[in-house]
Amino acid sequence: MSAPIRLRLIHETNPAKYFPALYDLAREGRVQLTGAHRYSVVKEWLRAWRRDRTPPGVRTANAWHDLLFRLSLPGVRGEVVVMGFAPWDWRLLIYRGLARRNRILYHTSWHDWGLERTPRQPRPAALKRWLQGRWLAFLRHPNVTTVAVTPVVAEAVRAAAGVEARVIPHAVPAVFFEAGARHAPRQAPGLRLLYVGEISEKKGIGTLLEMMPQLAGQGIRLTVVGNGPLAGAVEAAAADPAAGLTFLGPVMDRAKLAGIMAEHDILMLLSRKTETWEELFGIVVVEALAAGLAVIASDHVGPRGILHPAGGAGLFPQDDTAAIASELAALATDPARLSALRQRQAPVARAYGIAEVAADWDDTVRAAWKGMDV
């Protein structure tokens, strides 16, 4: 009997959320999952508290195990290691040595690798250029294969590092499609809007709060799920019954989140660009489509790539709030219009089903394992 494929996952925040297809491979016995780690120990301990409200015991246990893994890095060998890092993150210096005795599948969703356009901006400039050199050497290492979430990301990696990337999208767990099968299309006037994610200005929460007084008067309600810097503002707004706003806080259980989605009509993602960020793939967009919702989103690179097969239906310029409000008003009074938007967008989700994505990962992991030369 051949040795089982040993697979290890490393991600900034939550390997289970971003690699559900790989967890499925482990449950089916096609790989042996040797570990799942967060590469940022102290920062993630704080982030999980501030953003996700993760209980202290869970956060501390995760941080302890992640620290122990850091200390054991020299002994990790003969594994396929999936690593999800933002470009130019200095923490790669801690983990890049894994490429010497393992096969690495570097996973990225970042579409613009310009030194001034990525979320990790080390200073001074000389340090940034030095880090860039270390990163490029890592990506070109013979034991490293890059996996890109979209073709746009693959092209960005090719331009930045001169390496080819295999495209494997994020996967949507089956619970979202199951929720979509139970979704009851709205027949009466009114709309049930939903926001899921980081509650911050760049994610468009400020825009939604500004729009809700007018929308609430048209029978449109908004539910907000998540946590972040503007959580207090959302909670305060929700205290006014006339605001048409419900705040649920973070929901970490994927099945519960799928159920919440299926009780709504439209996912809102009115993201706003910053100097170093715009909305990337946006797994929540595909989860919402799978759960039976339509989507209204800013025309950023991530939502644009997802909704391209639907002809860009549901995309709006981020500053055109008047057009967004007008569209919501029309959808609220015309169930047939809402149904048409949903039917146009819904087929997009099929390509992100976990079975399809798991098959792509299975091929890629097996190729890396077969080529093990450590």
Foldseek 3Di string as FASTA:
>chain_A
DDDFAEEEEEAQEDCCQFPVLVVVCCVVVNHPYPYYAHLDQVVNLVCCCFWVVDDNVVSVVRSVVNVVCLVCQVVDALHEYEYEDWPLPPSCVSRLVRLVGAAYEYEYQDQANDQQATPDNDDDPVVSVVSLVVVLCSCPPPRYAYEYQFVSNQVNCCVSRVDGHHHFHGAAEVLLLVLQVVFDQDDAFEFEEEEEDECDVQQPNVVVQVCQLVRLVLRYAYEYEIGYDCLVVLVVLVVDVSSRYHYDYHDDDSNVVSNVLSVGAEYEGLGHDDSHDDDTQPVVQLSSLSNQHFYAYEPDPNLCRLCVQLVCPRYDHSPPVVVVSVVNSVCSHDSVVSVVRSVSNNVSNPCRHSVNSSVVVSVVSVVSSVPRDD
